[in-house]
Amino acid sequence: MENQAKINAATDELAVLEFEIDALQSAHGLPVDEDDLAAKQRRALALYAELKQLRNTPAAPQG
């Protein structure tokens, strides 16, 4: 169950990051904080890796 909670939290954070990254990338000519964009992209990549690892980890037996 702890594993599922971590997956849920990472998925939620990733959804927010993807929204923020999309907003920054489609700034329609407005100045973009490239450092902020890069930091969000790095965090998103780290979350993708974390999710892959969590999903490949067998669930602990309940009981």
N, C-alpha and C. Protein backbone atom coordinates (compact mmCIF):
# COMPACT_ATOMS: atom_id res chain seq x y z
N MET A 1 0.82 -1.19 0.00
CA MET A 1 0.00 0.00 0.00
C MET A 1 0.87 1.26 0.00
N GLU A 2 1.99 1.20 0.73
CA GLU A 2 2.90 2.34 0.77
C GLU A 2 3.42 2.65 -0.64
N ASN A 3 3.70 1.60 -1.40
CA ASN A 3 4.17 1.77 -2.77
C ASN A 3 3.12 2.49 -3.61
N GLN A 4 1.86 2.13 -3.45
CA GLN A 4 0.79 2.76 -4.21
C GLN A 4 0.65 4.23 -3.83
N ALA A 5 0.84 4.55 -2.57
CA ALA A 5 0.77 5.95 -2.13
C ALA A 5 1.89 6.77 -2.78
N LYS A 6 3.08 6.18 -2.89
CA LYS A 6 4.20 6.87 -3.54
C LYS A 6 3.91 7.07 -5.03
N ILE A 7 3.33 6.05 -5.66
CA ILE A 7 2.97 6.16 -7.08
C ILE A 7 1.94 7.27 -7.27
N ASN A 8 0.94 7.30 -6.42
CA ASN A 8 -0.09 8.33 -6.52
C ASN A 8 0.49 9.73 -6.35
N ALA A 9 1.36 9.91 -5.36
CA ALA A 9 1.96 11.22 -5.11
C ALA A 9 2.83 11.66 -6.28
N ALA A 10 3.63 10.74 -6.81
CA ALA A 10 4.49 11.07 -7.95
C ALA A 10 3.67 11.38 -9.19
N THR A 11 2.59 10.64 -9.40
CA THR A 11 1.71 10.88 -10.54
C THR A 11 1.05 12.25 -10.43
N ASP A 12 0.60 12.60 -9.24
CA ASP A 12 -0.02 13.91 -9.03
C ASP A 12 0.98 15.04 -9.29
N GLU A 13 2.19 14.90 -8.74
CA GLU A 13 3.20 15.94 -8.94
C GLU A 13 3.56 16.05 -10.42
N LEU A 14 3.66 14.92 -11.09
CA LEU A 14 4.00 14.92 -12.51
C LEU A 14 2.92 15.61 -13.34
N ALA A 15 1.67 15.40 -13.01
CA ALA A 15 0.58 16.06 -13.74
C ALA A 15 0.68 17.58 -13.62
N VAL A 16 0.99 18.06 -12.43
CA VAL A 16 1.14 19.51 -12.22
C VAL A 16 2.34 20.02 -13.01
N LEU A 17 3.45 19.31 -12.94
CA LEU A 17 4.64 19.72 -13.67
C LEU A 17 4.40 19.76 -15.18
N GLU A 18 3.72 18.75 -15.70
CA GLU A 18 3.43 18.73 -17.14
C GLU A 18 2.59 19.94 -17.55
N PHE A 19 1.63 20.31 -16.72
CA PHE A 19 0.81 21.49 -17.00
C PHE A 19 1.68 22.74 -16.99
N GLU A 20 2.53 22.88 -15.98
CA GLU A 20 3.40 24.06 -15.87
C GLU A 20 4.40 24.13 -17.02
N ILE A 21 4.96 22.98 -17.41
CA ILE A 21 5.90 22.95 -18.53
C ILE A 21 5.20 23.36 -19.82
N ASP A 22 4.01 22.82 -20.06
CA ASP A 22 3.25 23.20 -21.25
C ASP A 22 2.98 24.70 -21.27
N ALA A 23 2.61 25.25 -20.12
CA ALA A 23 2.32 26.68 -20.04
C ALA A 23 3.57 27.50 -20.35
N LEU A 24 4.70 27.09 -19.81
CA LEU A 24 5.95 27.82 -20.06
C LEU A 24 6.37 27.71 -21.52
N GLN A 25 6.19 26.54 -22.12
CA GLN A 25 6.61 26.34 -23.50
C GLN A 25 5.71 27.06 -24.50
N SER A 26 4.49 27.34 -24.12
CA SER A 26 3.58 28.04 -25.04
C SER A 26 3.31 29.45 -24.51
N ALA A 27 4.37 30.17 -24.20
CA ALA A 27 4.26 31.50 -23.61
C ALA A 27 3.81 32.55 -24.62
N HIS A 28 3.65 32.18 -25.88
CA HIS A 28 3.14 33.07 -26.93
C HIS A 28 3.91 34.39 -26.98
N GLY A 29 5.24 34.28 -27.06
CA GLY A 29 6.07 35.46 -27.21
C GLY A 29 6.47 36.14 -25.92
N LEU A 30 5.91 35.70 -24.82
CA LEU A 30 6.27 36.29 -23.53
C LEU A 30 7.62 35.73 -23.09
N PRO A 31 8.34 36.49 -22.27
CA PRO A 31 9.63 35.97 -21.79
C PRO A 31 9.44 34.69 -20.97
N VAL A 32 10.34 33.76 -21.16
CA VAL A 32 10.28 32.48 -20.45
C VAL A 32 11.49 32.37 -19.53
N ASP A 33 11.25 31.98 -18.30
CA ASP A 33 12.35 31.74 -17.36
C ASP A 33 12.94 30.37 -17.71
N GLU A 34 14.02 30.39 -18.49
CA GLU A 34 14.62 29.15 -18.98
C GLU A 34 15.12 28.27 -17.84
N ASP A 35 15.62 28.88 -16.77
CA ASP A 35 16.10 28.09 -15.63
C ASP A 35 14.94 27.36 -14.96
N ASP A 36 13.81 28.06 -14.81
CA ASP A 36 12.62 27.44 -14.21
C ASP A 36 12.12 26.30 -15.09
N LEU A 37 12.07 26.54 -16.38
CA LEU A 37 11.63 25.50 -17.32
C LEU A 37 12.55 24.29 -17.24
N ALA A 38 13.85 24.52 -17.25
CA ALA A 38 14.81 23.41 -17.19
C ALA A 38 14.68 22.64 -15.87
N ALA A 39 14.48 23.36 -14.78
CA ALA A 39 14.33 22.69 -13.47
C ALA A 39 13.08 21.82 -13.45
N LYS A 40 11.99 22.33 -14.01
CA LYS A 40 10.74 21.56 -14.05
C LYS A 40 10.91 20.33 -14.95
N GLN A 41 11.60 20.49 -16.06
CA GLN A 41 11.83 19.36 -16.96
C GLN A 41 12.71 18.29 -16.29
N ARG A 42 13.73 18.73 -15.56
CA ARG A 42 14.58 17.76 -14.85
C ARG A 42 13.78 17.01 -13.79
N ARG A 43 12.95 17.74 -13.05
CA ARG A 43 12.14 17.10 -12.01
C ARG A 43 11.16 16.11 -12.64
N ALA A 44 10.57 16.48 -13.77
CA ALA A 44 9.64 15.58 -14.46
C ALA A 44 10.36 14.30 -14.89
N LEU A 45 11.56 14.44 -15.43
CA LEU A 45 12.32 13.25 -15.83
C LEU A 45 12.64 12.36 -14.62
N ALA A 46 12.98 12.99 -13.50
CA ALA A 46 13.25 12.22 -12.29
C ALA A 46 11.99 11.49 -11.82
N LEU A 47 10.85 12.14 -11.94
CA LEU A 47 9.59 11.50 -11.54
C LEU A 47 9.24 10.34 -12.46
N TYR A 48 9.48 10.51 -13.77
CA TYR A 48 9.24 9.39 -14.70
C TYR A 48 10.09 8.19 -14.30
N ALA A 49 11.36 8.43 -13.97
CA ALA A 49 12.25 7.34 -13.57
C ALA A 49 11.77 6.71 -12.26
N GLU A 50 11.36 7.55 -11.31
CA GLU A 50 10.86 7.05 -10.03
C GLU A 50 9.60 6.21 -10.23
N LEU A 51 8.70 6.68 -11.07
CA LEU A 51 7.47 5.93 -11.33
C LEU A 51 7.77 4.59 -11.98
N LYS A 52 8.70 4.58 -12.92
CA LYS A 52 9.07 3.32 -13.57
C LYS A 52 9.59 2.33 -12.54
N GLN A 53 10.45 2.81 -11.64
CA GLN A 53 11.00 1.94 -10.61
C GLN A 53 9.91 1.46 -9.65
N LEU A 54 9.04 2.37 -9.23
CA LEU A 54 7.97 2.00 -8.30
C LEU A 54 7.02 0.98 -8.92
N ARG A 55 6.71 1.16 -10.19
CA ARG A 55 5.77 0.24 -10.85
C ARG A 55 6.38 -1.13 -11.08
N ASN A 56 7.71 -1.19 -11.13
CA ASN A 56 8.38 -2.48 -11.34
C ASN A 56 8.75 -3.16 -10.02
N THR A 57 8.45 -2.50 -8.90
CA THR A 57 8.73 -3.08 -7.59
C THR A 57 7.53 -3.91 -7.16
N PRO A 58 7.73 -5.17 -6.84
CA PRO A 58 6.59 -5.99 -6.40
C PRO A 58 6.01 -5.45 -5.10
N ALA A 59 4.72 -5.53 -4.98
CA ALA A 59 4.03 -5.07 -3.77
C ALA A 59 4.39 -5.99 -2.61
N ALA A 60 4.53 -5.39 -1.45
CA ALA A 60 4.82 -6.17 -0.24
C ALA A 60 3.58 -6.98 0.13
N PRO A 61 3.78 -8.19 0.61
CA PRO A 61 2.62 -9.00 1.01
C PRO A 61 1.84 -8.34 2.14
N GLN A 62 0.54 -8.39 2.05
CA GLN A 62 -0.33 -7.81 3.08
C GLN A 62 -0.63 -8.88 4.13
N GLY A 63 -0.68 -8.44 5.37
CA GLY A 63 -1.06 -9.44 6.35
C GLY A 63 -0.43 -9.28 7.62
